[in-house]
Amino acid sequence: MADGSVLPMRFGLLAPDDTAVRTALRQRREDYARRLGELHGTAEYNLKAARSQDDLLREVLEGSEEARRLNQCTRDGTGTYEDRLALGELVARQVDARQRRQSDEIVGRLSGLARASVVADPSKDDFLNVSFLVEHARADEFTTAGRTLAHDYGDAYDFRLRGPLPPTASPPDGTGHGPAHRHPHPSARAPAHHPLGRRAAPGRRRGAVLRPGPRPAGPRRTGTGPAGGRIDEDEYDRREDELLDRLDEITARRRAPRP
C-alpha cells in the first residue's frame, strides 16, 4: 500500500504459472486500471453504531399511545394473550422503523465527505454497519465529523469508527473485486480505532426487543430471534417476559417524581 493502491479481490485465485497471470491481467487491463484509479489516494473507514435498548424502548412508549395502552393492559392484568403479542409486534415495528431512519440520517451526514459508501448487515447489538471510501486528504475532516455526530446523538449511542483500512468494501462491478473479508494487506499499518463516543448506557442487552411472528395453530409456537433464527416456546416466553419487564421498568421511571 505504501507504493500505490491495492485492488481488493473477493476470492483468492490460483494460477498454473506466471503466463496465466499475465494473460488474465492483459484481458482485464482497462477494468483493473480504472478501478485502481478510483481507489488511488483513498482508504476505507468502517463505522458501527448501537443504541441503548432502554433509551429506544422509552422513545417508543413516549411516541405511541397504542404502545402505552397495551403496556398498561399487560401490567394491570386486564390484557389478553393477543394484547401481549400485539405489544411485542408494535414495539418491533417501531424499533425497526427508528433504526432504519437513524441509519439513513447517519450515512447521509457523512457521505458528503466520502467518495462512496457501502452499507452491510449489522451484527449483535448494532443497528448500523457502513464503510466509507475516504480520500487521504479528507481523513481528518471525516473523523472530526464522526466525533461531532457522536456528540450530537448523545450518551445513549455507541459509535465505533475503524480506519484507515484497505478499501475492501467497494461495490462489485464484475471485475472480481468488491466486498471482501477485512484482512488488511500485510504491508498495511494496523488500523486505528476511533472511539467516537462513550459506551451506551447500561441495559443494551441482546433479546430486549421481541420480534414475534404469527401465532401458529399447533401446541408449540415459534418466533423470530434477533439473529433471524427460530426459537422454541420457552425461549419465546422468556424474551416476551423480558420485554414486558423492561417496559414496566421504563414506565415506573417515567412516573417517578424527579429529584
Protein backbone atom coordinates (compact mmCIF):
# COMPACT_ATOMS: atom_id res chain seq x y z
CA MET A 1 0.00 0.00 0.00
CA ALA A 2 2.93 2.34 0.56
CA ASP A 3 3.79 2.03 -3.16
CA GLY A 4 0.29 2.55 -4.51
CA SER A 5 -3.33 1.42 -4.41
CA VAL A 6 -4.25 -2.19 -3.68
CA LEU A 7 -7.15 -3.68 -5.62
CA PRO A 8 -9.26 -5.87 -3.30
CA MET A 9 -10.31 -9.28 -4.59
CA ARG A 10 -13.42 -11.11 -3.48
CA PHE A 11 -11.74 -14.54 -3.55
CA GLY A 12 -8.18 -15.77 -3.65
CA LEU A 13 -7.23 -17.26 -7.02
CA LEU A 14 -4.66 -19.85 -8.08
CA ALA A 15 -2.95 -19.82 -11.47
CA PRO A 16 -0.85 -22.61 -13.01
CA ASP A 17 2.03 -20.26 -13.88
CA ASP A 18 3.10 -16.64 -14.39
CA THR A 19 1.98 -16.71 -18.02
CA ALA A 20 -1.62 -17.35 -16.98
CA VAL A 21 -1.47 -14.42 -14.55
CA ARG A 22 -0.10 -12.06 -17.21
CA THR A 23 -2.78 -13.19 -19.64
CA ALA A 24 -5.57 -12.51 -17.13
CA LEU A 25 -4.15 -9.07 -16.37
CA ARG A 26 -3.96 -8.17 -20.06
CA GLN A 27 -7.54 -9.30 -20.66
CA ARG A 28 -8.91 -7.08 -17.88
CA ARG A 29 -6.30 -4.35 -18.10
CA GLU A 30 -8.74 -1.49 -18.65
CA ASP A 31 -11.09 -2.62 -15.87
CA TYR A 32 -8.28 -3.05 -13.36
CA ALA A 33 -6.66 0.25 -14.30
CA ARG A 34 -9.95 2.09 -13.94
CA ARG A 35 -10.62 0.60 -10.51
CA LEU A 36 -7.09 1.32 -9.32
CA GLY A 37 -7.59 4.91 -10.41
CA GLU A 38 -10.83 5.13 -8.43
CA LEU A 39 -9.12 3.81 -5.29
CA HIS A 40 -5.96 5.88 -5.66
CA GLY A 41 -5.33 8.10 -2.65
CA THR A 42 -8.17 6.63 -0.57
CA ALA A 43 -8.70 4.47 2.47
CA GLU A 44 -11.73 2.77 3.97
CA TYR A 45 -13.33 3.74 7.27
CA ASN A 46 -15.86 1.40 8.86
CA LEU A 47 -18.49 2.78 11.22
CA LYS A 48 -20.67 0.69 13.53
CA ALA A 49 -23.41 2.14 15.72
CA ALA A 50 -25.58 0.80 18.53
CA ARG A 51 -28.13 2.33 20.87
CA SER A 52 -29.21 1.64 24.44
CA GLN A 53 -32.29 -0.58 24.35
CA ASP A 54 -33.73 1.21 27.38
CA ASP A 55 -33.48 4.54 25.60
CA LEU A 56 -35.04 3.11 22.44
CA LEU A 57 -37.96 1.45 24.25
CA ARG A 58 -38.56 4.63 26.24
CA GLU A 59 -38.84 6.57 22.99
CA VAL A 60 -41.31 4.02 21.61
CA LEU A 61 -43.53 4.34 24.69
CA GLU A 62 -43.42 8.11 24.65
CA GLY A 63 -44.24 8.28 20.95
CA SER A 64 -47.02 5.67 20.70
CA GLU A 65 -50.30 5.93 22.56
CA GLU A 66 -51.19 2.39 21.46
CA ALA A 67 -47.95 1.02 22.93
CA ARG A 68 -48.71 2.75 26.24
CA ARG A 69 -52.25 1.34 26.24
CA LEU A 70 -51.12 -2.22 25.53
CA ASN A 71 -48.34 -1.93 28.08
CA GLN A 72 -50.79 -0.74 30.75
CA CYS A 73 -53.19 -3.59 29.97
CA THR A 74 -50.35 -6.07 30.36
CA ARG A 75 -49.17 -4.51 33.61
CA ASP A 76 -52.58 -4.38 35.33
CA GLY A 77 -53.63 -7.87 34.20
CA THR A 78 -56.57 -6.81 32.02
CA GLY A 79 -54.79 -7.60 28.76
CA THR A 80 -55.16 -10.82 26.79
CA TYR A 81 -52.54 -13.04 25.24
CA GLU A 82 -53.27 -11.31 21.93
CA ASP A 83 -52.55 -7.96 23.62
CA ARG A 84 -49.15 -9.24 24.67
CA LEU A 85 -48.42 -10.34 21.10
CA ALA A 86 -49.68 -7.04 19.71
CA LEU A 87 -47.39 -5.12 22.09
CA GLY A 88 -44.35 -7.14 21.04
CA GLU A 89 -45.15 -6.73 17.36
CA LEU A 90 -45.79 -2.99 17.74
CA VAL A 91 -42.51 -2.46 19.58
CA ALA A 92 -40.62 -4.49 16.97
CA ARG A 93 -42.07 -2.41 14.11
CA GLN A 94 -41.37 0.86 15.89
CA VAL A 95 -37.80 -0.15 16.74
CA ASP A 96 -37.10 -1.25 13.18
CA ALA A 97 -38.52 1.98 11.69
CA ARG A 98 -36.50 4.17 14.06
CA GLN A 99 -33.27 2.30 13.45
CA ARG A 100 -33.71 2.46 9.67
CA ARG A 101 -34.40 6.19 9.82
CA GLN A 102 -31.39 6.86 12.03
CA SER A 103 -29.16 4.72 9.81
CA ASP A 104 -30.15 6.84 6.81
CA GLU A 105 -29.52 10.04 8.77
CA ILE A 106 -26.05 8.96 9.91
CA VAL A 107 -24.94 7.77 6.48
CA GLY A 108 -26.31 10.96 4.94
CA ARG A 109 -24.33 13.18 7.29
CA LEU A 110 -21.01 11.51 6.48
CA SER A 111 -21.46 10.62 2.81
CA GLY A 112 -20.61 14.14 1.67
CA LEU A 113 -17.05 13.63 2.94
CA ALA A 114 -16.55 10.29 1.17
CA ARG A 115 -16.26 9.13 -2.42
CA ALA A 116 -18.62 6.22 -1.76
CA SER A 117 -20.33 4.29 1.00
CA VAL A 118 -21.47 0.68 1.34
CA VAL A 119 -23.97 -0.44 3.99
CA ALA A 120 -23.64 -4.02 5.25
CA ASP A 121 -25.78 -6.10 7.60
CA PRO A 122 -25.19 -5.12 11.24
CA SER A 123 -24.45 -7.76 13.85
CA LYS A 124 -25.14 -8.31 17.54
CA ASP A 125 -26.48 -5.12 19.15
CA ASP A 126 -25.55 -2.79 16.28
CA PHE A 127 -28.15 -1.18 14.07
CA LEU A 128 -25.66 0.20 11.54
CA ASN A 129 -22.58 -1.15 9.77
CA VAL A 130 -21.31 1.08 6.98
CA SER A 131 -17.99 1.55 5.19
CA PHE A 132 -16.85 4.81 3.60
CA LEU A 133 -14.22 5.32 0.92
CA VAL A 134 -12.39 8.47 2.02
CA GLU A 135 -9.61 10.41 0.34
CA HIS A 136 -6.43 10.66 2.40
CA ALA A 137 -6.63 14.45 2.23
CA ARG A 138 -10.05 14.40 3.93
CA ALA A 139 -9.32 11.76 6.58
CA ASP A 140 -9.01 14.22 9.47
CA GLU A 141 -12.12 16.06 8.34
CA PHE A 142 -14.03 12.79 8.17
CA THR A 143 -13.03 11.59 11.65
CA THR A 144 -13.80 15.02 13.09
CA ALA A 145 -17.27 14.88 11.53
CA GLY A 146 -17.71 11.43 13.08
CA ARG A 147 -16.89 12.77 16.54
CA THR A 148 -19.32 15.65 16.06
CA LEU A 149 -22.03 13.21 15.01
CA ALA A 150 -21.43 11.03 18.10
CA HIS A 151 -21.62 14.10 20.34
CA ASP A 152 -24.89 15.20 18.73
CA TYR A 153 -26.54 11.81 19.27
CA GLY A 154 -25.54 11.62 22.94
CA ASP A 155 -24.55 9.03 25.52
CA ALA A 156 -27.32 6.56 24.64
CA TYR A 157 -25.44 5.75 21.43
CA ASP A 158 -22.22 3.82 20.87
CA PHE A 159 -20.29 4.75 17.71
CA ARG A 160 -17.08 2.86 16.72
CA LEU A 161 -15.00 4.01 13.78
CA ARG A 162 -12.10 1.91 12.44
CA GLY A 163 -9.61 3.09 9.86
CA PRO A 164 -7.74 3.70 7.75
CA LEU A 165 -8.28 0.26 6.21
CA PRO A 166 -7.60 -1.14 2.75
CA PRO A 167 -10.68 -0.38 0.63
CA THR A 168 -12.31 -3.82 0.58
CA ALA A 169 -15.98 -2.84 0.75
CA SER A 170 -16.35 -1.07 -2.60
CA PRO A 171 -19.36 -2.21 -4.67
CA PRO A 172 -18.76 -5.14 -7.03
CA ASP A 173 -18.58 -4.29 -10.73
CA GLY A 174 -17.84 -7.58 -12.42
CA THR A 175 -14.04 -7.43 -12.23
CA GLY A 176 -13.85 -9.95 -9.42
CA HIS A 177 -13.28 -7.38 -6.72
CA GLY A 178 -15.75 -5.86 -4.35
CA PRO A 179 -16.99 -6.79 -0.87
CA ALA A 180 -14.36 -8.93 0.79
CA HIS A 181 -13.32 -10.11 4.20
CA ARG A 182 -11.48 -7.45 6.13
CA HIS A 183 -7.97 -8.82 6.05
CA PRO A 184 -5.57 -5.86 5.70
CA HIS A 185 -2.69 -6.22 3.33
CA PRO A 186 0.47 -7.36 5.23
CA SER A 187 2.20 -4.08 4.42
CA ALA A 188 -0.65 -2.01 5.85
CA ARG A 189 -0.26 -0.46 9.23
CA ALA A 190 -2.75 -1.51 11.88
CA PRO A 191 -5.99 0.47 11.57
CA ALA A 192 -6.76 2.93 14.28
CA HIS A 193 -9.85 2.57 16.44
CA HIS A 194 -11.52 5.93 16.89
CA PRO A 195 -13.78 5.95 19.99
CA LEU A 196 -16.32 8.50 18.79
CA GLY A 197 -18.45 8.47 21.92
CA ARG A 198 -18.86 6.90 25.32
CA ARG A 199 -20.30 3.42 25.54
CA ALA A 200 -24.06 3.20 25.53
CA ALA A 201 -25.84 3.32 28.84
CA PRO A 202 -26.40 0.03 30.74
CA GLY A 203 -29.30 -2.08 29.61
CA ARG A 204 -28.30 -2.61 25.98
CA ARG A 205 -28.55 -6.38 26.12
CA ARG A 206 -29.50 -8.85 23.49
CA GLY A 207 -33.06 -10.11 23.36
CA ALA A 208 -34.53 -6.97 24.92
CA VAL A 209 -36.77 -6.46 21.90
CA LEU A 210 -39.07 -9.30 20.98
CA ARG A 211 -39.92 -9.86 17.35
CA PRO A 212 -42.73 -12.44 17.44
CA GLY A 213 -44.18 -13.98 14.32
CA PRO A 214 -47.81 -15.06 13.76
CA ARG A 215 -49.17 -17.48 16.33
CA PRO A 216 -49.17 -21.00 14.79
CA ALA A 217 -52.08 -23.38 15.14
CA GLY A 218 -50.13 -26.20 16.80
CA PRO A 219 -49.46 -26.65 20.51
CA ARG A 220 -45.93 -25.27 20.06
CA ARG A 221 -45.12 -21.77 18.85
CA THR A 222 -42.01 -20.21 17.47
CA GLY A 223 -40.86 -16.65 16.99
CA THR A 224 -38.04 -14.92 15.20
CA GLY A 225 -35.00 -14.04 17.26
CA PRO A 226 -32.69 -11.03 16.81
CA ALA A 227 -30.37 -13.01 14.53
CA GLY A 228 -33.19 -14.24 12.30
CA GLY A 229 -33.24 -17.84 13.66
CA ARG A 230 -36.21 -19.73 15.05
CA ILE A 231 -36.79 -20.06 18.78
CA ASP A 232 -38.89 -22.54 20.71
CA GLU A 233 -41.78 -21.83 23.07
CA ASP A 234 -39.70 -21.49 26.24
CA GLU A 235 -37.28 -19.03 24.64
CA TYR A 236 -40.20 -17.14 23.11
CA ASP A 237 -41.84 -16.75 26.52
CA ARG A 238 -38.56 -15.74 28.16
CA ARG A 239 -37.97 -12.96 25.68
CA GLU A 240 -41.57 -11.81 25.86
CA ASP A 241 -41.36 -11.61 29.66
CA GLU A 242 -38.05 -9.76 29.42
CA LEU A 243 -39.57 -7.18 27.10
CA LEU A 244 -42.57 -6.66 29.36
CA ASP A 245 -40.33 -6.36 32.43
CA ARG A 246 -38.22 -3.79 30.65
CA LEU A 247 -41.32 -1.80 29.66
CA ASP A 248 -42.50 -1.94 33.28
CA GLU A 249 -39.17 -0.54 34.48
CA ILE A 250 -39.26 2.26 31.93
CA THR A 251 -42.86 3.13 32.79
CA ALA A 252 -42.05 3.22 36.51
CA ARG A 253 -39.09 5.53 35.92
CA ARG A 254 -41.20 7.86 33.81
CA ARG A 255 -43.79 8.13 36.60
CA ALA A 256 -41.28 8.51 39.44
CA PRO A 257 -41.05 12.06 40.83
CA ARG A 258 -37.98 13.93 39.71
CA PRO A 259 -35.49 14.82 42.48
